[in-house]
Amino acid sequence: MIKKKTNKTEALRESNNEKKVEYSTKKAGISKTNTTGNKLSKSNSNKKSSNSAAITDWFFMSKQEVTAKDIAQHLQPLNLGELDLWEELNILALEMGDKNSIDFEGLAGGFKSKEDIAFMNQHGFVTVFTVTVSEDSTLIRGVFDEILKQFSGAFCVDTEDFKPYIMSRE
């Protein structure tokens, strides 16, 4: 079963007429399907409340150029679980031993919305990934912390104002 992207992630895909491949990790392996996907425009109708108990849709924004391969190389020595990298698509999936998973998908070109671009400029972010987690847990937050130790930036919730967010300490 393919994980359904929602909120900004879904709106981003709806605004472009390009073909995209969506990937999802499964217990037995990798599943993929071709979808007509679109990039980077904000839709208010799909916004989550920042008060949700379990946050599963995030953005990772970095102040430096970062690729899925860079993240994979940083996480690999930590032995957190199985890493699947699709370098040419800038996609990384991490399935942890407790069956929690984190999927990173790079957003080439960034956001289209003026408000989102202003947020990125305000914080000096140059790289954006959509991040989908199977469930919000302390293990997942630990992975976020490890990434922020290496790459200056933030994990922001997929909401209208990107709050709450976890910023790297500089």
Protein backbone atom coordinates (compact mmCIF):
# COMPACT_ATOMS: atom_id res chain seq x y z
CA MET A 1 0.00 0.00 0.00
CA ILE A 2 1.33 3.42 -0.95
CA LYS A 3 1.45 6.02 1.79
CA LYS A 4 -0.82 8.92 0.91
CA LYS A 5 0.87 12.30 1.11
CA THR A 6 -1.40 14.99 2.53
CA ASN A 7 -1.43 18.63 3.49
CA LYS A 8 1.26 20.79 1.85
CA THR A 9 2.91 17.69 0.42
CA GLU A 10 -0.28 16.74 -1.43
CA ALA A 11 -0.89 20.31 -2.53
CA LEU A 12 2.67 20.52 -3.81
CA ARG A 13 2.08 17.59 -6.11
CA GLU A 14 -1.32 18.87 -7.29
CA SER A 15 0.12 22.12 -8.65
CA ASN A 16 2.44 20.68 -11.31
CA ASN A 17 1.76 18.50 -14.34
CA GLU A 18 4.96 16.43 -14.11
CA LYS A 19 5.02 12.66 -13.68
CA LYS A 20 6.43 11.57 -10.32
CA VAL A 21 7.21 8.25 -8.71
CA GLU A 22 6.10 7.75 -5.12
CA TYR A 23 7.92 5.20 -2.97
CA SER A 24 7.02 3.54 0.26
CA THR A 25 8.87 0.96 2.31
CA LYS A 26 7.06 -2.23 3.23
CA LYS A 27 7.97 -5.11 5.48
CA ALA A 28 8.59 -7.33 2.44
CA GLY A 29 10.45 -4.71 0.43
CA ILE A 30 9.86 -1.63 -1.63
CA SER A 31 6.64 -0.76 -3.36
CA LYS A 32 6.37 1.88 -6.03
CA THR A 33 3.70 3.34 -8.21
CA ASN A 34 3.67 5.99 -10.89
CA THR A 35 1.46 8.93 -10.06
CA THR A 36 0.75 12.14 -11.81
CA GLY A 37 2.34 14.37 -9.27
CA ASN A 38 2.85 18.02 -8.90
CA LYS A 39 5.20 20.37 -7.16
CA LEU A 40 5.00 23.08 -4.71
CA SER A 41 1.93 25.15 -4.17
CA LYS A 42 0.11 25.62 -0.93
CA SER A 43 -3.51 24.63 -0.43
CA ASN A 44 -5.29 25.85 2.69
CA SER A 45 -7.99 23.19 2.45
CA ASN A 46 -5.64 20.37 3.43
CA LYS A 47 -3.92 21.94 6.45
CA LYS A 48 -3.49 19.99 9.67
CA SER A 49 -3.94 21.60 13.00
CA SER A 50 -0.67 22.03 14.88
CA ASN A 51 -2.48 20.55 17.90
CA SER A 52 -2.55 17.03 16.43
CA ALA A 53 -1.54 14.33 18.91
CA ALA A 54 0.60 12.41 16.41
CA ILE A 55 2.51 14.47 13.89
CA THR A 56 3.43 12.38 10.86
CA ASP A 57 3.99 15.00 8.13
CA TRP A 58 7.04 17.25 8.41
CA PHE A 59 9.45 19.29 6.34
CA PHE A 60 13.21 19.22 6.82
CA MET A 61 14.71 22.55 5.81
CA SER A 62 18.45 23.13 5.84
CA LYS A 63 20.68 26.18 5.61
CA GLN A 64 23.04 24.21 3.38
CA GLU A 65 22.66 22.16 0.22
CA VAL A 66 21.73 18.66 1.41
CA THR A 67 20.80 15.57 -0.59
CA ALA A 68 19.17 12.32 0.44
CA LYS A 69 22.59 10.72 -0.07
CA ASP A 70 24.14 13.16 2.43
CA ILE A 71 21.50 12.24 5.02
CA ALA A 72 21.98 8.52 4.33
CA GLN A 73 25.76 8.80 4.74
CA HIS A 74 25.28 10.54 8.07
CA LEU A 75 22.71 8.01 9.36
CA GLN A 76 24.40 4.83 8.10
CA PRO A 77 27.09 4.54 10.83
CA LEU A 78 24.39 5.00 13.50
CA ASN A 79 22.84 1.60 12.57
CA LEU A 80 19.30 2.82 13.16
CA GLY A 81 17.73 0.40 10.68
CA GLU A 82 17.47 -0.35 6.98
CA LEU A 83 18.25 2.58 4.69
CA ASP A 84 16.90 2.64 1.13
CA LEU A 85 18.30 5.41 -1.07
CA TRP A 86 17.09 6.43 -4.53
CA GLU A 87 19.85 8.89 -5.25
CA GLU A 88 18.62 9.98 -8.69
CA LEU A 89 15.19 10.85 -7.21
CA ASN A 90 16.64 12.37 -4.01
CA ILE A 91 14.56 10.00 -1.85
CA LEU A 92 15.61 8.20 1.33
CA ALA A 93 13.63 5.73 3.43
CA LEU A 94 14.69 4.55 6.88
CA GLU A 95 12.89 1.57 8.41
CA MET A 96 13.90 1.23 12.03
CA GLY A 97 14.06 -1.98 14.06
CA ASP A 98 10.82 -1.10 15.87
CA LYS A 99 9.10 -0.89 12.43
CA ASN A 100 8.82 2.89 12.60
CA SER A 101 9.81 4.49 9.32
CA ILE A 102 10.91 7.88 8.05
CA ASP A 103 10.73 8.86 4.38
CA PHE A 104 12.59 11.89 2.98
CA GLU A 105 11.80 13.31 -0.45
CA GLY A 106 13.74 16.30 -1.75
CA LEU A 107 11.71 19.17 -3.21
CA ALA A 108 13.73 20.45 -6.14
CA GLY A 109 12.99 24.12 -6.61
CA GLY A 110 11.48 24.56 -3.15
CA PHE A 111 8.10 26.07 -2.43
CA LYS A 112 5.97 28.20 -4.77
CA SER A 113 3.94 30.03 -2.12
CA LYS A 114 5.20 33.54 -1.30
CA GLU A 115 4.60 32.94 2.43
CA ASP A 116 6.59 29.69 2.39
CA ILE A 117 9.43 31.30 0.45
CA ALA A 118 9.46 34.19 2.94
CA PHE A 119 9.71 31.69 5.83
CA MET A 120 12.66 29.97 4.15
CA ASN A 121 14.40 33.28 3.42
CA GLN A 122 13.81 34.54 6.97
CA HIS A 123 15.61 31.50 8.38
CA GLY A 124 18.22 31.17 5.62
CA PHE A 125 17.00 27.75 4.41
CA VAL A 126 18.07 26.59 0.94
CA THR A 127 17.06 22.90 0.92
CA VAL A 128 13.62 21.38 1.55
CA PHE A 129 12.55 17.75 2.04
CA THR A 130 9.09 16.43 2.75
CA VAL A 131 9.39 14.02 5.67
CA THR A 132 6.76 11.41 6.44
CA VAL A 133 6.98 9.31 9.59
CA SER A 134 4.94 6.22 10.42
CA GLU A 135 4.23 7.61 13.88
CA ASP A 136 5.53 10.41 16.03
CA SER A 137 7.78 8.83 18.68
CA THR A 138 10.84 9.57 20.78
CA LEU A 139 12.89 7.32 18.44
CA ILE A 140 11.83 9.39 15.43
CA ARG A 141 12.62 12.61 17.28
CA GLY A 142 16.03 11.13 18.12
CA VAL A 143 16.71 10.66 14.39
CA PHE A 144 15.66 14.28 13.80
CA ASP A 145 18.14 15.38 16.49
CA GLU A 146 20.94 13.34 14.89
CA ILE A 147 20.28 14.95 11.51
CA LEU A 148 20.19 18.44 13.03
CA LYS A 149 23.59 17.80 14.68
CA GLN A 150 25.08 17.40 11.19
CA PHE A 151 22.96 19.73 9.04
CA SER A 152 21.98 23.18 10.26
CA GLY A 153 18.24 23.67 9.83
CA ALA A 154 14.87 22.63 11.20
CA PHE A 155 12.16 20.01 11.12
CA CYS A 156 8.89 21.89 10.69
CA VAL A 157 5.39 20.45 10.95
CA ASP A 158 3.29 20.43 7.78
CA THR A 159 0.96 23.23 8.90
CA GLU A 160 0.15 26.70 7.58
CA ASP A 161 2.80 28.35 9.82
CA PHE A 162 5.22 25.37 10.03
CA LYS A 163 4.70 25.19 13.83
CA PRO A 164 5.73 23.53 15.95
CA TYR A 165 9.27 23.11 14.70
CA ILE A 166 12.56 21.71 15.93
CA MET A 167 15.53 23.96 15.12
CA SER A 168 19.20 22.99 15.20
CA ARG A 169 21.30 24.65 17.84
CA GLU A 170 23.93 26.91 16.34
